[in-house]
Amino acid sequence: MLHNIKKEIFLSLLTSFIVGVIAFFLFHVGMEQSIGMSFISGLLFFLFLHSGEEDSSSEEKKPLVDNNEEYRLLEKKFKSISEKADKLELEKKTTEYFLASMSHEIRTPLNGIIGLTEVLDDTSLTKEQKEFVSMIRESSSNLRVIVNDVLDVSKINAGKMELESIDFDFSTKVAASVGIFTPKIDEKGIDLNVSIDPQVPKYLIGDPTRLSQVIINLVSNALKFTDKDGKIDVIVEYLDRENDEVTLKLSVSDSGIGLSKEQQVKIFEAYSQATASTTRKSGGTGLGLTISSKIINSMGGELQVESEEGKGATFFFVISMKEAIPPAIEEVTEVEDETEVIQDASKKAFDDLSVLVAEDNPINQKLIKIVLENLGLNVTLASDGQQALDERMARQYDMIFMDIQMPVMGGVESTHSILQYEKENNIKHIPIIALTANALPGDREKYIAEGMDDYATKPLDVKILENLITHYCNVE
């Protein structure tokens, strides 16, 4: 600093001397005036140099101030991002808990409604009563579809949707997926055309259940928005083949109301409908296309739409699947024989088998007791997990159906106690099936990890119950 001042003084004096000499000799200014001019110029030059030094010094310090300010701002941003991440994680967990609770609370009464409706339909009813029962069944089924859609979206968003990779009859799966709409299509007088390119192999490797779900969603969507005497085309085109991998295009076209450009942009968004009145007019959650889009994405394709208002719409996707080796012996069964098999299965009875059912809801108790007794089973009811444990310790059963949420002792705790009792007394294990309204991603794995043997959801599916009993009770 002192060195800089000395330098400034020296330069100022030098400038002053030069100005004085120039003024005296070149401009012939008097001595006194020359001295005055030299003094003033020297002083001004010194002030100029000194002010420049201060500016330079302040500029050198300024970046430090700015850097400190930037660090504080970055630290504040990082803290804000961290807080937002924690908040999002909390919101995610809260949403999952809410879905789990709502799933259970909705499915529990829904189980009673659907089950008892089926039981009621098997009794002697008048024509008008039959009609009422049919309406109840349809409304219940619609509600079940809505619940399943919400849970599917939750499963996909959580990244817990796993695709199967199994051999399946592609053409039969497409025909069966479309075939379930035959009654409604006939009722509306719609012209349905299903066309599969003969170059597409009959047997492919993939996830037939999820593929069927997409086809069903697309056909259901086309059916909703196609008026009477309209047209729906389901077309499968062969595009390419590389070794054993086949690329195909599946499209579903309709002659319905169509979509505007703006509607096409957001049609695959969750809870999105073409117009605000769509939900009221045609029903649905607005999740079908979202779910279908995500399924096709996971299969390596993309669900797209081409449409024009008033001229229908075409939803389509392109995917690649490997060709499967055809089965050695292809079973050919006539429709009449298949119907007889289904009827025989519905009449299937399990004699001399006793099961314990732990269920706290009185309506569900009555329902599952009727269903299982109709299958020929001897049923004992327990209203909570403690009663289930006491019954297991007092008697021998072939199988236990265990609800999860019960008073006194929950299903998981009761299962742990039963397993401990069996281990301590070296007693043969009785299969325990989780029978619950909880149906979120990971629930099955969670309950099996707790020691349960298998898992079934409410509303009850009689066919699933039959399969579980057949498997775990070694029924031929």
Protein backbone atom coordinates (compact mmCIF):
# COMPACT_ATOMS: atom_id res chain seq x y z
CA MET A 1 0.00 0.00 0.00
CA LEU A 2 2.85 2.43 1.02
CA HIS A 3 4.74 1.43 -2.09
CA ASN A 4 1.75 2.36 -4.24
CA ILE A 5 1.46 5.83 -2.62
CA LYS A 6 5.15 6.57 -3.20
CA LYS A 7 4.72 5.57 -6.81
CA GLU A 8 1.67 7.83 -7.17
CA ILE A 9 3.55 10.82 -5.64
CA PHE A 10 6.53 10.27 -7.93
CA LEU A 11 4.32 10.08 -11.03
CA SER A 12 2.37 13.17 -9.92
CA LEU A 13 5.56 15.21 -9.40
CA LEU A 14 6.91 14.08 -12.75
CA THR A 15 3.64 15.05 -14.42
CA SER A 16 3.68 18.41 -12.61
CA PHE A 17 7.26 19.14 -13.78
CA ILE A 18 6.48 18.21 -17.38
CA VAL A 19 3.33 20.38 -17.44
CA GLY A 20 5.28 23.34 -15.92
CA VAL A 21 8.13 23.05 -18.47
CA ILE A 22 5.72 22.78 -21.40
CA ALA A 23 3.70 25.75 -20.17
CA PHE A 24 6.82 27.93 -19.59
CA PHE A 25 8.85 27.12 -22.70
CA LEU A 26 6.24 26.11 -25.26
CA PHE A 27 3.36 28.41 -24.40
CA HIS A 28 5.54 31.22 -22.90
CA VAL A 29 3.47 31.34 -19.69
CA GLY A 30 4.92 33.29 -16.80
CA MET A 31 6.92 31.57 -14.01
CA GLU A 32 4.27 31.98 -11.37
CA GLN A 33 1.49 30.73 -13.67
CA SER A 34 3.65 27.79 -14.81
CA ILE A 35 4.28 26.78 -11.20
CA GLY A 36 0.54 27.06 -10.44
CA MET A 37 -0.42 24.99 -13.46
CA SER A 38 2.18 22.34 -12.66
CA PHE A 39 0.96 22.13 -9.03
CA ILE A 40 -2.70 21.78 -10.03
CA SER A 41 -1.97 19.18 -12.74
CA GLY A 42 0.20 17.18 -10.34
CA LEU A 43 -2.52 17.26 -7.65
CA LEU A 44 -5.22 16.21 -10.10
CA PHE A 45 -3.07 13.40 -11.48
CA PHE A 46 -2.35 12.13 -7.92
CA LEU A 47 -6.08 12.12 -7.07
CA PHE A 48 -6.80 10.28 -10.32
CA LEU A 49 -4.20 7.60 -9.62
CA HIS A 50 -5.30 7.19 -5.98
CA SER A 51 -8.98 6.88 -6.84
CA GLY A 52 -8.09 4.27 -9.47
CA GLU A 53 -6.16 2.31 -6.86
CA GLU A 54 -9.15 2.36 -4.51
CA ASP A 55 -11.44 1.15 -7.31
CA SER A 56 -8.98 -1.61 -8.12
CA SER A 57 -8.79 -2.59 -4.46
CA SER A 58 -12.58 -2.63 -4.13
CA GLU A 59 -12.85 -4.71 -7.29
CA GLU A 60 -10.38 -7.21 -5.85
CA LYS A 61 -12.47 -7.49 -2.69
CA LYS A 62 -15.79 -7.59 -4.53
CA PRO A 63 -15.42 -11.11 -5.98
CA LEU A 64 -14.89 -12.39 -2.45
CA VAL A 65 -18.10 -10.75 -1.35
CA ASP A 66 -19.89 -12.05 -4.44
CA ASN A 67 -18.48 -15.55 -3.92
CA ASN A 68 -19.63 -15.61 -0.31
CA GLU A 69 -23.06 -14.47 -1.43
CA GLU A 70 -23.16 -17.20 -4.12
CA TYR A 71 -22.18 -19.85 -1.57
CA ARG A 72 -24.97 -18.71 0.72
CA LEU A 73 -27.46 -18.82 -2.16
CA LEU A 74 -26.30 -22.31 -3.22
CA GLU A 75 -26.52 -23.56 0.35
CA LYS A 76 -30.03 -22.14 0.60
CA LYS A 77 -31.03 -23.84 -2.69
CA PHE A 78 -29.58 -27.20 -1.62
CA LYS A 79 -31.44 -26.94 1.67
CA SER A 80 -34.67 -26.12 -0.18
CA ILE A 81 -34.18 -29.07 -2.57
CA SER A 82 -33.50 -31.41 0.36
CA GLU A 83 -36.63 -30.21 2.16
CA LYS A 84 -38.69 -30.71 -1.02
CA ALA A 85 -37.28 -34.24 -1.47
CA ASP A 86 -38.18 -35.11 2.14
CA LYS A 87 -41.63 -33.65 1.61
CA LEU A 88 -42.15 -35.66 -1.61
CA GLU A 89 -41.02 -38.86 0.14
CA LEU A 90 -43.43 -38.18 2.99
CA GLU A 91 -46.24 -37.46 0.51
CA LYS A 92 -45.44 -40.71 -1.33
CA LYS A 93 -45.61 -42.74 1.87
CA THR A 94 -48.78 -40.95 2.91
CA THR A 95 -50.35 -41.68 -0.49
CA GLU A 96 -49.39 -45.36 -0.28
CA TYR A 97 -50.83 -45.59 3.23
CA PHE A 98 -54.00 -43.83 2.10
CA LEU A 99 -54.39 -46.19 -0.88
CA ALA A 100 -53.81 -49.20 1.35
CA SER A 101 -56.43 -47.98 3.83
CA MET A 102 -58.95 -47.06 1.15
CA SER A 103 -58.37 -50.34 -0.66
CA HIS A 104 -59.15 -52.25 2.52
CA GLU A 105 -62.11 -50.09 3.51
CA ILE A 106 -63.70 -50.23 0.04
CA ARG A 107 -62.98 -53.89 -0.68
CA THR A 108 -64.37 -55.13 2.65
CA PRO A 109 -67.99 -54.02 2.04
CA LEU A 110 -67.59 -54.66 -1.69
CA ASN A 111 -66.71 -58.25 -0.89
CA GLY A 112 -70.00 -58.64 0.95
CA ILE A 113 -72.02 -56.95 -1.80
CA ILE A 114 -70.61 -59.00 -4.68
CA GLY A 115 -70.54 -62.29 -2.79
CA LEU A 116 -74.04 -62.08 -1.36
CA THR A 117 -75.35 -60.92 -4.74
CA GLU A 118 -74.05 -64.16 -6.25
CA VAL A 119 -75.62 -66.16 -3.43
CA LEU A 120 -78.91 -64.30 -3.81
CA ASP A 121 -78.92 -64.92 -7.55
CA ASP A 122 -78.86 -68.68 -6.91
CA THR A 123 -82.12 -68.51 -4.90
CA SER A 124 -85.70 -68.49 -6.21
CA LEU A 125 -86.45 -64.97 -7.42
CA THR A 126 -89.11 -63.30 -9.49
CA LYS A 127 -88.22 -61.81 -12.87
CA GLU A 128 -88.18 -58.30 -11.39
CA GLN A 129 -85.97 -59.40 -8.48
CA LYS A 130 -83.58 -61.06 -10.93
CA GLU A 131 -83.36 -57.75 -12.77
CA PHE A 132 -82.56 -55.91 -9.54
CA VAL A 133 -79.87 -58.45 -8.66
CA SER A 134 -78.35 -58.05 -12.12
CA MET A 135 -78.19 -54.27 -11.62
CA ILE A 136 -76.50 -54.72 -8.24
CA ARG A 137 -73.98 -57.11 -9.77
CA GLU A 138 -73.14 -54.73 -12.63
CA SER A 139 -72.77 -51.74 -10.30
CA SER A 140 -70.53 -53.77 -7.97
CA SER A 141 -68.41 -54.95 -10.87
CA ASN A 142 -67.98 -51.35 -12.08
CA LEU A 143 -66.86 -50.33 -8.60
CA ARG A 144 -64.37 -53.21 -8.51
CA VAL A 145 -62.93 -52.08 -11.88
CA ILE A 146 -62.45 -48.56 -10.50
CA VAL A 147 -60.65 -49.84 -7.39
CA ASN A 148 -58.44 -52.13 -9.50
CA ASP A 149 -57.56 -49.26 -11.87
CA VAL A 150 -56.43 -47.06 -8.99
CA LEU A 151 -54.34 -49.88 -7.54
CA ASP A 152 -52.83 -50.65 -10.95
CA VAL A 153 -51.69 -47.03 -11.34
CA SER A 154 -50.21 -47.16 -7.84
CA LYS A 155 -48.38 -50.38 -8.71
CA ILE A 156 -47.01 -48.98 -11.98
CA ASN A 157 -45.92 -45.67 -10.43
CA ALA A 158 -44.15 -47.56 -7.66
CA GLY A 159 -42.23 -49.51 -10.31
CA LYS A 160 -43.56 -52.79 -8.94
CA MET A 161 -45.35 -54.04 -12.01
CA GLU A 162 -43.47 -57.09 -13.26
CA LEU A 163 -44.14 -58.56 -16.69
CA GLU A 164 -44.36 -62.30 -17.26
CA SER A 165 -42.45 -64.00 -20.03
CA ILE A 166 -44.35 -67.16 -20.88
CA ASP A 167 -45.55 -69.01 -23.96
CA PHE A 168 -49.12 -68.25 -24.98
CA ASP A 169 -51.52 -68.60 -27.87
CA PHE A 170 -51.51 -65.05 -29.27
CA SER A 171 -54.47 -65.29 -31.67
CA THR A 172 -56.66 -67.04 -29.08
CA LYS A 173 -55.78 -64.40 -26.46
CA VAL A 174 -56.73 -61.56 -28.84
CA ALA A 175 -60.02 -63.26 -29.76
CA ALA A 176 -60.87 -63.97 -26.10
CA SER A 177 -60.08 -60.38 -25.05
CA VAL A 178 -62.40 -58.98 -27.71
CA GLY A 179 -65.00 -61.72 -27.20
CA ILE A 180 -66.01 -60.59 -23.72
CA PHE A 181 -67.65 -57.53 -25.32
CA THR A 182 -69.83 -59.58 -27.69
CA PRO A 183 -73.10 -59.03 -25.75
CA LYS A 184 -72.65 -55.24 -25.62
CA ILE A 185 -71.50 -55.09 -29.23
CA ASP A 186 -74.58 -57.04 -30.34
CA GLU A 187 -76.81 -54.85 -28.19
CA LYS A 188 -75.52 -51.66 -29.88
CA GLY A 189 -75.57 -53.25 -33.33
CA ILE A 190 -71.89 -52.47 -33.89
CA ASP A 191 -70.03 -54.08 -36.77
CA LEU A 192 -66.95 -55.74 -35.22
CA ASN A 193 -64.03 -56.89 -37.34
CA VAL A 194 -61.07 -58.82 -35.89
CA SER A 195 -58.22 -59.43 -38.34
CA ILE A 196 -54.86 -61.09 -37.57
CA ASP A 197 -52.18 -61.25 -40.25
CA PRO A 198 -51.48 -64.94 -41.01
CA GLN A 199 -47.73 -64.18 -40.92
CA VAL A 200 -47.99 -63.48 -37.17
CA PRO A 201 -47.03 -66.71 -35.33
CA LYS A 202 -49.80 -68.38 -33.34
CA TYR A 203 -47.59 -68.85 -30.26
CA LEU A 204 -45.49 -66.02 -28.81
CA ILE A 205 -43.55 -65.34 -25.60
CA GLY A 206 -44.71 -62.46 -23.42
CA ASP A 207 -47.22 -61.43 -20.77
CA PRO A 208 -50.65 -62.54 -22.02
CA THR A 209 -52.49 -61.11 -19.01
CA ARG A 210 -51.15 -57.58 -19.45
CA LEU A 211 -51.52 -57.73 -23.22
CA SER A 212 -55.14 -58.80 -22.76
CA GLN A 213 -55.64 -55.94 -20.30
CA VAL A 214 -54.49 -53.43 -22.92
CA ILE A 215 -56.73 -54.90 -25.64
CA ILE A 216 -59.70 -54.94 -23.28
CA ASN A 217 -59.09 -51.29 -22.32
CA LEU A 218 -58.81 -50.20 -25.95
CA VAL A 219 -61.92 -52.10 -27.10
CA SER A 220 -63.86 -50.91 -24.05
CA ASN A 221 -62.86 -47.33 -24.87
CA ALA A 222 -63.91 -47.75 -28.52
CA LEU A 223 -67.22 -49.27 -27.45
CA LYS A 224 -67.98 -46.37 -25.09
CA PHE A 225 -67.63 -43.72 -27.77
CA THR A 226 -69.12 -45.56 -30.75
CA ASP A 227 -72.82 -45.04 -31.32
CA LYS A 228 -75.29 -47.68 -32.42
CA ASP A 229 -74.68 -49.21 -35.86
CA GLY A 230 -71.07 -48.01 -35.74
CA LYS A 231 -67.91 -49.96 -36.49
CA ILE A 232 -64.90 -51.25 -34.52
CA ASP A 233 -61.84 -52.86 -36.13
CA VAL A 234 -59.20 -54.80 -34.20
CA ILE A 235 -56.28 -55.42 -36.57
CA VAL A 236 -52.94 -57.16 -35.99
CA GLU A 237 -50.34 -56.52 -38.71
CA TYR A 238 -47.05 -58.34 -39.29
CA LEU A 239 -44.24 -55.79 -39.72
CA ASP A 240 -40.87 -57.51 -39.50
CA ARG A 241 -38.92 -60.49 -38.26
CA GLU A 242 -35.36 -60.92 -37.05
CA ASN A 243 -34.44 -64.49 -36.20
CA ASP A 244 -37.15 -65.63 -33.75
CA GLU A 245 -38.28 -62.09 -32.80
CA VAL A 246 -41.43 -60.86 -34.52
CA THR A 247 -42.47 -57.20 -34.71
CA LEU A 248 -46.19 -56.56 -34.99
CA LYS A 249 -48.64 -53.69 -34.87
CA LEU A 250 -51.97 -53.92 -33.06
CA SER A 251 -54.59 -51.26 -33.66
CA VAL A 252 -58.14 -50.67 -32.46
CA SER A 253 -60.17 -48.30 -34.64
CA ASP A 254 -63.70 -47.00 -34.13
CA SER A 255 -66.19 -44.79 -35.94
CA GLY A 256 -66.99 -42.82 -32.78
CA ILE A 257 -66.83 -39.17 -31.79
CA GLY A 258 -63.09 -38.81 -32.31
CA LEU A 259 -60.61 -36.49 -30.59
CA SER A 260 -59.35 -32.97 -31.22
CA LYS A 261 -55.61 -32.25 -31.43
CA GLU A 262 -55.70 -30.75 -27.93
CA GLN A 263 -57.45 -33.82 -26.51
CA GLN A 264 -54.96 -36.18 -28.15
CA VAL A 265 -52.07 -34.48 -26.34
CA LYS A 266 -53.38 -35.29 -22.85
CA ILE A 267 -55.45 -38.43 -23.50
CA PHE A 268 -52.84 -40.72 -21.88
CA GLU A 269 -52.51 -38.62 -18.73
CA ALA A 270 -53.85 -40.11 -15.50
CA TYR A 271 -57.45 -39.18 -14.64
CA SER A 272 -57.78 -37.43 -17.99
CA GLN A 273 -60.95 -37.62 -20.05
CA ALA A 274 -61.62 -36.10 -23.44
CA THR A 275 -64.11 -33.62 -21.98
CA ALA A 276 -65.37 -32.75 -18.53
CA SER A 277 -68.66 -34.52 -19.23
CA THR A 278 -67.05 -37.74 -20.44
CA THR A 279 -66.97 -39.38 -17.02
CA ARG A 280 -70.66 -38.75 -16.48
CA LYS A 281 -71.64 -39.83 -19.96
CA SER A 282 -69.45 -42.89 -20.46
CA GLY A 283 -68.16 -43.79 -17.01
CA GLY A 284 -64.70 -44.91 -16.04
CA THR A 285 -61.87 -43.41 -14.05
CA GLY A 286 -59.90 -42.05 -16.98
CA LEU A 287 -57.12 -44.47 -16.02
CA GLY A 288 -57.60 -47.19 -18.65
CA LEU A 289 -55.52 -45.52 -21.35
CA THR A 290 -52.89 -44.39 -18.83
CA ILE A 291 -52.45 -47.95 -17.58
CA SER A 292 -52.39 -49.32 -21.13
CA SER A 293 -49.80 -46.76 -22.19
CA LYS A 294 -47.50 -47.64 -19.29
CA ILE A 295 -47.88 -51.38 -19.93
CA ILE A 296 -46.94 -50.98 -23.59
CA ASN A 297 -43.99 -48.77 -22.60
CA SER A 298 -42.76 -51.54 -20.30
CA MET A 299 -43.05 -53.93 -23.27
CA GLY A 300 -40.78 -51.69 -25.31
CA GLY A 301 -43.48 -50.00 -27.39
CA GLU A 302 -45.53 -46.82 -27.35
CA LEU A 303 -49.31 -46.46 -27.36
CA GLN A 304 -50.32 -43.77 -29.86
CA VAL A 305 -53.52 -42.30 -31.26
CA GLU A 306 -54.65 -40.94 -34.62
CA SER A 307 -57.98 -39.20 -34.69
CA GLU A 308 -60.14 -36.44 -36.06
CA GLU A 309 -63.21 -34.98 -34.42
CA GLY A 310 -66.37 -36.65 -35.62
CA LYS A 311 -64.46 -39.27 -37.63
CA GLY A 312 -63.46 -41.82 -35.02
CA ALA A 313 -60.10 -42.72 -33.52
CA THR A 314 -57.38 -45.35 -33.92
CA PHE A 315 -55.25 -46.41 -30.97
CA PHE A 316 -52.23 -48.48 -31.90
CA PHE A 317 -48.85 -49.76 -30.73
CA VAL A 318 -45.87 -51.63 -32.16
CA ILE A 319 -44.10 -54.29 -30.07
CA SER A 320 -41.65 -57.13 -30.64
CA MET A 321 -42.05 -60.60 -29.14
CA LYS A 322 -40.20 -63.85 -29.59
CA GLU A 323 -41.91 -66.76 -31.27
CA ALA A 324 -42.64 -69.68 -28.96
CA ILE A 325 -42.26 -73.33 -29.82
CA PRO A 326 -45.76 -74.79 -30.44
CA PRO A 327 -46.87 -77.41 -27.90
CA ALA A 328 -46.19 -81.00 -28.92
CA ILE A 329 -49.88 -81.91 -28.81
CA GLU A 330 -52.43 -79.20 -29.40
CA GLU A 331 -55.60 -79.85 -27.47
CA VAL A 332 -58.76 -79.29 -29.48
CA THR A 333 -61.87 -78.97 -27.37
CA GLU A 334 -65.36 -78.30 -28.65
CA VAL A 335 -67.39 -75.49 -27.13
CA GLU A 336 -69.91 -77.96 -25.67
CA ASP A 337 -67.14 -79.92 -23.90
CA GLU A 338 -65.59 -76.71 -22.52
CA THR A 339 -68.96 -75.63 -21.14
CA GLU A 340 -69.37 -78.99 -19.42
CA VAL A 341 -65.91 -78.67 -17.84
CA ILE A 342 -66.78 -75.22 -16.49
CA GLN A 343 -70.07 -76.48 -15.10
CA ASP A 344 -68.34 -79.46 -13.49
CA ALA A 345 -65.76 -77.15 -11.92
CA SER A 346 -68.50 -74.96 -10.46
CA LYS A 347 -70.06 -78.03 -8.86
CA LYS A 348 -66.75 -79.21 -7.43
CA ALA A 349 -67.05 -80.27 -3.77
CA PHE A 350 -64.46 -80.95 -1.09
CA ASP A 351 -65.79 -83.62 1.25
CA ASP A 352 -64.40 -84.33 4.72
CA LEU A 353 -62.31 -81.17 4.85
CA SER A 354 -62.47 -78.73 7.76
CA VAL A 355 -61.33 -75.13 7.53
CA LEU A 356 -60.94 -72.34 10.07
CA VAL A 357 -61.89 -68.82 8.97
CA ALA A 358 -60.65 -65.83 10.99
CA GLU A 359 -62.81 -62.85 10.00
CA ASP A 360 -64.20 -60.03 12.16
CA ASN A 361 -66.79 -58.58 9.75
CA PRO A 362 -70.17 -60.31 10.35
CA ILE A 363 -71.33 -59.92 6.74
CA ASN A 364 -68.10 -61.36 5.38
CA GLN A 365 -68.30 -64.15 7.94
CA LYS A 366 -71.70 -65.15 6.64
CA LEU A 367 -70.61 -64.84 3.03
CA ILE A 368 -67.45 -66.93 3.21
CA LYS A 369 -69.24 -69.53 5.34
CA ILE A 370 -71.94 -69.92 2.66
CA VAL A 371 -69.36 -70.04 -0.17
CA LEU A 372 -67.15 -72.63 1.53
CA GLU A 373 -70.06 -74.76 2.74
CA ASN A 374 -71.43 -74.80 -0.81
CA LEU A 375 -68.08 -76.35 -1.78
CA GLY A 376 -68.67 -79.10 0.78
CA LEU A 377 -66.31 -77.81 3.49
CA ASN A 378 -66.89 -77.87 7.25
CA VAL A 379 -66.39 -74.26 8.39
CA THR A 380 -65.48 -72.91 11.84
CA LEU A 381 -65.51 -69.13 12.36
CA ALA A 382 -63.25 -67.04 14.58
CA SER A 383 -63.94 -63.33 15.11
CA ASP A 384 -60.35 -62.30 15.84
CA GLY A 385 -56.79 -63.56 15.77
CA GLN A 386 -56.80 -64.71 19.38
CA GLN A 387 -59.86 -66.90 18.76
CA ALA A 388 -58.13 -68.30 15.69
CA LEU A 389 -55.09 -69.24 17.79
CA ASP A 390 -57.30 -70.83 20.45
CA GLU A 391 -59.20 -72.84 17.80
CA ARG A 392 -55.94 -74.00 16.20
CA MET A 393 -54.66 -75.19 19.57
CA ALA A 394 -57.94 -76.93 20.39
CA ARG A 395 -58.69 -78.67 17.07
CA GLN A 396 -57.15 -79.97 13.89
CA TYR A 397 -58.00 -78.26 10.59
CA ASP A 398 -57.03 -78.83 6.98
CA MET A 399 -56.65 -75.14 6.19
CA ILE A 400 -56.87 -71.67 7.78
CA PHE A 401 -58.14 -68.52 6.06
CA MET A 402 -56.75 -65.53 7.95
CA ASP A 403 -57.99 -61.96 7.69
CA ILE A 404 -55.30 -59.33 8.34
CA GLN A 405 -56.99 -56.47 10.18
CA MET A 406 -58.87 -57.81 13.21
CA PRO A 407 -59.38 -56.69 16.81
CA VAL A 408 -57.63 -58.21 19.88
CA MET A 409 -54.99 -59.88 17.69
CA GLY A 410 -54.35 -59.17 14.01
CA GLY A 411 -53.87 -61.81 11.34
CA VAL A 412 -50.07 -61.46 11.12
CA GLU A 413 -49.62 -61.71 14.90
CA SER A 414 -51.98 -64.68 15.04
CA THR A 415 -50.03 -66.41 12.27
CA HIS A 416 -46.76 -65.91 14.18
CA SER A 417 -48.34 -67.42 17.31
CA ILE A 418 -49.72 -70.42 15.39
CA LEU A 419 -46.36 -71.09 13.74
CA GLN A 420 -44.63 -70.86 17.13
CA TYR A 421 -47.18 -73.28 18.67
CA GLU A 422 -46.66 -75.77 15.84
CA LYS A 423 -42.87 -75.53 16.17
CA GLU A 424 -42.79 -75.91 19.94
CA ASN A 425 -45.11 -78.93 19.86
CA ASN A 426 -43.61 -80.46 16.70
CA ILE A 427 -47.06 -80.49 15.08
CA LYS A 428 -47.72 -80.71 11.35
CA HIS A 429 -48.17 -77.27 9.81
CA ILE A 430 -51.64 -76.20 8.67
CA PRO A 431 -51.58 -74.01 5.53
CA ILE A 432 -52.53 -70.40 6.33
CA ILE A 433 -53.99 -68.25 3.55
CA ALA A 434 -54.08 -64.48 3.93
CA LEU A 435 -57.61 -63.48 2.99
CA THR A 436 -57.57 -59.71 2.89
CA ALA A 437 -58.86 -56.56 1.25
CA ASN A 438 -55.29 -55.21 1.07
CA ALA A 439 -54.21 -55.43 -2.55
CA LEU A 440 -51.36 -52.97 -3.02
CA PRO A 441 -48.05 -53.78 -4.73
CA GLY A 442 -45.91 -55.99 -2.51
CA ASP A 443 -48.74 -57.13 -0.21
CA ARG A 444 -48.52 -60.75 -1.36
CA GLU A 445 -44.76 -60.90 -0.77
CA LYS A 446 -45.14 -59.14 2.58
CA TYR A 447 -47.66 -61.63 3.98
CA ILE A 448 -45.78 -64.68 2.70
CA ALA A 449 -42.64 -63.28 4.33
CA GLU A 450 -44.60 -63.16 7.60
CA GLY A 451 -45.10 -66.93 7.41
CA MET A 452 -48.38 -67.25 5.54
CA ASP A 453 -48.50 -69.83 2.77
CA ASP A 454 -50.50 -67.90 0.18
CA TYR A 455 -52.65 -64.87 -0.43
CA ALA A 456 -56.12 -64.14 -1.81
CA THR A 457 -57.89 -60.80 -2.07
CA LYS A 458 -61.41 -59.65 -1.40
CA PRO A 459 -63.85 -59.55 -3.14
CA LEU A 460 -63.71 -63.34 -3.07
CA ASP A 461 -63.12 -65.29 -6.25
CA VAL A 462 -64.62 -68.76 -5.85
CA LYS A 463 -62.34 -70.22 -8.53
CA ILE A 464 -59.24 -68.97 -6.69
CA LEU A 465 -60.53 -70.44 -3.44
CA GLU A 466 -61.08 -73.78 -5.18
CA ASN A 467 -57.55 -73.74 -6.58
CA LEU A 468 -56.04 -72.91 -3.17
CA ILE A 469 -57.98 -75.70 -1.45
CA THR A 470 -57.05 -78.18 -4.20
CA HIS A 471 -53.37 -77.26 -3.96
CA TYR A 472 -52.86 -77.07 -0.21
CA CYS A 473 -55.19 -79.91 0.78
CA ASN A 474 -53.83 -82.24 -1.91
CA VAL A 475 -57.25 -82.79 -3.42
CA GLU A 476 -57.24 -84.68 -6.72
